[in-house]
Amino acid sequence: MFAGISTSNTAVAFSFTNPEQSLTNNFSSRSSTQVRLEGGYQFNTKPILFKSNSNKSKPAQQRKTGCSKGESNMKHGCGSYSRSSSHCGKSNTSSAKQKSSKQPMQMRLQPQLGMAYIPSVENDFDVKTEATQSVYTYYAGNWNTAVIGGMGFEFAKGKNKLFQVNVQYLKGIGNLGNTTLTTHDGSKSVETKFSSRASSWSLNFGVPISFAKKPSSNKKQTNCQQQRTHCEQKTQYRCRVKI
């Protein structure tokens, strides 16, 4: 599900003095900006991977350990040295970084369907008197409810979200029926009917921002140092026994 708050100014104000000639003799302007509420359902599809030829697997290289030259010379006299010291190096960390850097670009499709609502819409008509003459204003496209449909495209690399593009279509459905304006011309009343439609397209681009704290790596470094010391001590003990 998704929910949000945005602004809308799709209504257009048509001002005229003679309702019977409002289609040919009028002055139009954009209405004021209004706050609207949005909500609905959003679905996430499985990621679509963008693979390239540069991401082909390469032959595995021999892992490097973090042991010194003196320890490597002892390897010839210690048959069990290579096993006990296989976890003492930093090759696991470097290989993990290389693996994360080579992750392909991926994209998720996010179809959306929802509703939009404007809590306080303007009146369909407004009447003002200027120099003893009445000026009428009709607000076309003055909807209060609308249907929203769209598609989102989320781009990521591994677990890191890079950016998102949304295409949205809005169709007004509420408060857009026939409206009648009644005016008086001398001793008779004149009724003029008005109606309008409203729809819009929008394109949004966003970049995700995370305020979460990254886990500390001090604990991992301490465990690695302890494991390396244990391996070195174990290797020296085995070498002395065999000598």
Protein backbone atom coordinates (compact mmCIF):
# COMPACT_ATOMS: atom_id res chain seq x y z
CA MET A 1 0.00 0.00 0.00
CA PHE A 2 1.02 3.64 -0.48
CA ALA A 3 -0.22 6.96 0.92
CA GLY A 4 0.85 10.53 0.30
CA ILE A 5 0.05 14.23 0.28
CA SER A 6 0.47 16.43 -2.78
CA THR A 7 -0.90 19.61 -4.35
CA SER A 8 -3.30 20.04 -7.25
CA ASN A 9 -4.29 22.99 -9.44
CA THR A 10 -6.05 21.33 -12.36
CA ALA A 11 -9.13 23.56 -12.11
CA VAL A 12 -9.46 26.50 -14.54
CA ALA A 13 -11.46 29.63 -13.68
CA PHE A 14 -13.66 31.04 -16.50
CA SER A 15 -14.94 34.58 -15.84
CA PHE A 16 -17.75 36.16 -17.89
CA THR A 17 -20.50 38.75 -17.61
CA ASN A 18 -23.12 37.17 -19.88
CA PRO A 19 -23.76 33.45 -19.19
CA GLU A 20 -25.33 32.97 -22.63
CA GLN A 21 -22.09 34.12 -24.28
CA SER A 22 -19.71 32.48 -21.80
CA LEU A 23 -18.15 30.18 -24.44
CA THR A 24 -17.11 33.03 -26.72
CA ASN A 25 -16.65 35.96 -24.34
CA ASN A 26 -14.71 34.93 -21.24
CA PHE A 27 -11.44 35.33 -19.42
CA SER A 28 -9.66 32.21 -18.14
CA SER A 29 -7.04 31.82 -15.43
CA ARG A 30 -5.53 29.07 -13.28
CA SER A 31 -7.27 28.46 -9.98
CA SER A 32 -5.53 28.37 -6.61
CA THR A 33 -3.44 25.40 -5.50
CA GLN A 34 -5.22 22.86 -3.29
CA VAL A 35 -3.95 20.05 -1.07
CA ARG A 36 -4.98 16.53 -2.03
CA LEU A 37 -4.63 13.15 -0.33
CA GLU A 38 -3.59 10.00 -2.20
CA GLY A 39 -3.70 6.33 -1.28
CA GLY A 40 -3.93 2.91 -2.88
CA TYR A 41 -2.15 -0.34 -3.64
CA GLN A 42 1.29 -0.83 -5.12
CA PHE A 43 2.70 -4.17 -6.30
CA ASN A 44 6.38 -5.09 -6.68
CA THR A 45 7.42 -7.57 -9.34
CA LYS A 46 10.50 -9.76 -9.30
CA PRO A 47 13.72 -7.95 -10.24
CA ILE A 48 14.72 -7.89 -13.90
CA LEU A 49 18.51 -8.25 -14.23
CA PHE A 50 20.52 -6.32 -16.83
CA LYS A 51 23.48 -8.58 -17.63
CA SER A 52 26.44 -7.54 -19.75
CA ASN A 53 29.32 -9.40 -21.36
CA SER A 54 31.79 -7.83 -18.92
CA ASN A 55 30.20 -9.71 -16.04
CA LYS A 56 31.27 -13.15 -17.29
CA SER A 57 32.84 -15.33 -14.65
CA LYS A 58 36.64 -15.34 -14.58
CA PRO A 59 38.85 -18.30 -13.56
CA ALA A 60 39.29 -18.43 -9.84
CA GLN A 61 42.63 -17.13 -8.60
CA GLN A 62 44.62 -18.57 -5.76
CA ARG A 63 43.58 -17.01 -2.48
CA LYS A 64 46.16 -14.94 -0.70
CA THR A 65 46.62 -15.20 2.99
CA GLY A 66 47.74 -12.55 5.38
CA CYS A 67 50.64 -14.63 6.78
CA SER A 68 54.25 -13.46 6.81
CA LYS A 69 57.20 -14.87 4.82
CA GLY A 70 58.50 -16.70 7.84
CA GLU A 71 55.23 -18.56 8.19
CA SER A 72 55.18 -19.42 4.50
CA ASN A 73 58.66 -21.00 4.83
CA MET A 74 57.37 -23.13 7.69
CA LYS A 75 54.72 -24.49 5.42
CA HIS A 76 57.15 -26.95 3.86
CA GLY A 77 57.78 -28.53 7.23
CA CYS A 78 54.18 -28.48 8.41
CA GLY A 79 51.73 -30.58 6.46
CA SER A 80 48.78 -29.24 8.43
CA TYR A 81 49.76 -25.59 8.21
CA SER A 82 47.74 -24.79 5.10
CA ARG A 83 44.55 -26.07 6.73
CA SER A 84 44.93 -24.31 10.03
CA SER A 85 45.85 -20.96 8.44
CA SER A 86 43.24 -20.94 5.66
CA HIS A 87 40.99 -18.61 7.70
CA CYS A 88 43.76 -16.24 8.84
CA GLY A 89 43.97 -14.12 5.70
CA LYS A 90 41.84 -11.23 4.39
CA SER A 91 40.86 -12.88 1.12
CA ASN A 92 37.25 -13.41 2.26
CA THR A 93 36.70 -9.67 2.82
CA SER A 94 38.28 -8.67 -0.48
CA SER A 95 36.31 -11.29 -2.42
CA ALA A 96 33.05 -10.09 -0.81
CA LYS A 97 33.79 -6.52 -1.89
CA GLN A 98 34.57 -7.63 -5.43
CA LYS A 99 31.36 -9.66 -5.53
CA SER A 100 29.22 -6.71 -4.42
CA SER A 101 30.88 -4.37 -6.93
CA LYS A 102 30.15 -6.77 -9.81
CA GLN A 103 26.45 -7.21 -9.04
CA PRO A 104 24.36 -6.42 -12.16
CA MET A 105 21.85 -3.61 -12.43
CA GLN A 106 18.28 -4.66 -11.76
CA MET A 107 14.83 -3.10 -12.17
CA ARG A 108 11.50 -3.72 -10.46
CA LEU A 109 8.12 -2.84 -11.95
CA GLN A 110 5.66 -1.25 -9.50
CA PRO A 111 2.09 -1.02 -10.88
CA GLN A 112 -0.12 1.32 -8.84
CA LEU A 113 -3.86 1.81 -8.44
CA GLY A 114 -5.51 4.18 -5.98
CA MET A 115 -7.72 7.19 -5.27
CA ALA A 116 -7.14 10.92 -4.73
CA TYR A 117 -9.31 13.21 -2.61
CA ILE A 118 -9.41 16.99 -2.11
CA PRO A 119 -10.92 17.78 1.34
CA SER A 120 -11.99 21.35 0.55
CA VAL A 121 -12.95 22.14 -3.04
CA GLU A 122 -14.01 25.56 -4.26
CA ASN A 123 -17.61 26.39 -5.17
CA ASP A 124 -18.48 25.74 -8.79
CA PHE A 125 -19.58 29.37 -9.26
CA ASP A 126 -18.49 32.68 -7.84
CA VAL A 127 -20.27 36.02 -8.38
CA LYS A 128 -18.70 39.46 -7.92
CA THR A 129 -19.98 42.95 -8.67
CA GLU A 130 -17.64 45.31 -10.53
CA ALA A 131 -18.89 48.78 -11.54
CA THR A 132 -22.55 47.83 -11.09
CA GLN A 133 -22.02 44.77 -13.32
CA SER A 134 -22.06 41.16 -12.19
CA VAL A 135 -19.02 39.04 -13.07
CA TYR A 136 -19.53 35.28 -12.93
CA THR A 137 -16.73 32.74 -12.52
CA TYR A 138 -17.08 29.04 -13.29
CA TYR A 139 -14.37 26.65 -12.06
CA ALA A 140 -13.97 23.91 -14.66
CA GLY A 141 -12.30 20.67 -13.62
CA ASN A 142 -13.15 21.31 -9.97
CA TRP A 143 -13.09 17.63 -8.93
CA ASN A 144 -13.07 16.33 -5.37
CA THR A 145 -12.35 12.62 -6.03
CA ALA A 146 -10.23 11.00 -8.74
CA VAL A 147 -8.87 7.62 -9.82
CA ILE A 148 -5.09 7.16 -9.97
CA GLY A 149 -3.26 4.60 -12.09
CA GLY A 150 0.44 4.42 -12.80
CA MET A 151 3.65 2.46 -13.13
CA GLY A 152 6.85 2.80 -11.15
CA PHE A 153 10.35 1.73 -12.20
CA GLU A 154 12.80 1.08 -9.35
CA PHE A 155 16.47 0.67 -10.27
CA ALA A 156 18.91 -0.96 -7.86
CA LYS A 157 22.28 -2.67 -7.69
CA GLY A 158 22.15 -5.57 -5.30
CA LYS A 159 20.46 -4.34 -2.12
CA ASN A 160 21.32 -0.68 -2.83
CA LYS A 161 18.40 1.26 -4.36
CA LEU A 162 19.69 3.85 -6.84
CA PHE A 163 16.69 5.83 -8.15
CA GLN A 164 13.01 5.51 -9.04
CA VAL A 165 10.84 6.82 -11.90
CA ASN A 166 7.02 7.00 -11.65
CA VAL A 167 4.49 7.63 -14.42
CA GLN A 168 1.00 8.46 -13.14
CA TYR A 169 -2.40 9.12 -14.74
CA LEU A 170 -5.24 10.88 -12.90
CA LYS A 171 -8.92 10.95 -13.92
CA GLY A 172 -11.39 13.15 -12.02
CA ILE A 173 -14.75 11.52 -11.29
CA GLY A 174 -16.40 13.50 -8.46
CA ASN A 175 -18.12 16.91 -8.60
CA LEU A 176 -17.89 17.11 -12.39
CA GLY A 177 -21.54 16.60 -13.38
CA ASN A 178 -23.89 19.15 -14.92
CA THR A 179 -24.14 22.39 -12.92
CA THR A 180 -26.83 25.01 -13.50
CA LEU A 181 -26.29 28.76 -13.14
CA THR A 182 -29.49 30.78 -12.72
CA THR A 183 -29.40 34.48 -13.61
CA HIS A 184 -32.11 37.15 -13.87
CA ASP A 185 -32.63 39.30 -16.97
CA GLY A 186 -35.26 41.81 -16.12
CA SER A 187 -38.39 39.91 -15.14
CA LYS A 188 -37.28 36.51 -16.43
CA SER A 189 -34.76 34.00 -15.14
CA VAL A 190 -32.21 32.31 -17.38
CA GLU A 191 -30.72 28.90 -16.61
CA THR A 192 -27.34 27.99 -18.13
CA LYS A 193 -25.85 24.51 -17.70
CA PHE A 194 -22.10 23.89 -17.39
CA SER A 195 -20.05 20.69 -17.23
CA SER A 196 -16.35 19.83 -17.44
CA ARG A 197 -13.85 16.98 -17.43
CA ALA A 198 -10.42 16.70 -15.82
CA SER A 199 -7.43 14.40 -16.36
CA SER A 200 -3.68 14.75 -16.10
CA TRP A 201 -0.36 12.94 -16.57
CA SER A 202 2.65 13.28 -14.28
CA LEU A 203 6.26 12.06 -14.29
CA ASN A 204 8.23 11.84 -11.03
CA PHE A 205 11.90 11.10 -10.37
CA GLY A 206 13.28 10.32 -6.93
CA VAL A 207 16.44 9.17 -5.17
CA PRO A 208 16.09 7.11 -1.94
CA ILE A 209 17.79 8.49 1.18
CA SER A 210 18.50 6.26 4.17
CA PHE A 211 19.20 7.56 7.68
CA ALA A 212 19.97 4.13 9.17
CA LYS A 213 23.32 3.69 10.92
CA LYS A 214 25.79 1.29 9.39
CA PRO A 215 26.86 -1.62 11.63
CA SER A 216 30.25 -1.18 13.25
CA SER A 217 33.11 -3.26 11.86
CA ASN A 218 35.25 -3.16 15.04
CA LYS A 219 33.77 -6.43 16.29
CA LYS A 220 34.53 -8.17 13.00
CA GLN A 221 38.11 -6.90 13.02
CA THR A 222 38.62 -8.06 16.62
CA ASN A 223 37.34 -11.56 15.81
CA CYS A 224 39.60 -11.71 12.77
CA GLN A 225 42.65 -10.71 14.81
CA GLN A 226 41.85 -13.26 17.50
CA GLN A 227 41.39 -15.98 14.89
CA ARG A 228 44.66 -15.06 13.17
CA THR A 229 46.57 -15.19 16.50
CA HIS A 230 45.04 -18.58 17.30
CA CYS A 231 46.05 -19.90 13.89
CA GLU A 232 49.62 -18.66 14.26
CA GLN A 233 50.00 -20.22 17.70
CA LYS A 234 48.51 -23.49 16.50
CA THR A 235 50.84 -23.55 13.48
CA GLN A 236 53.99 -22.91 15.54
CA TYR A 237 53.03 -25.67 18.01
CA ARG A 238 52.51 -28.23 15.27
CA CYS A 239 55.81 -27.31 13.61
CA ARG A 240 57.77 -27.69 16.83
CA VAL A 241 56.27 -31.12 17.45
CA LYS A 242 57.20 -32.36 13.97
CA ILE A 243 60.74 -30.95 14.15
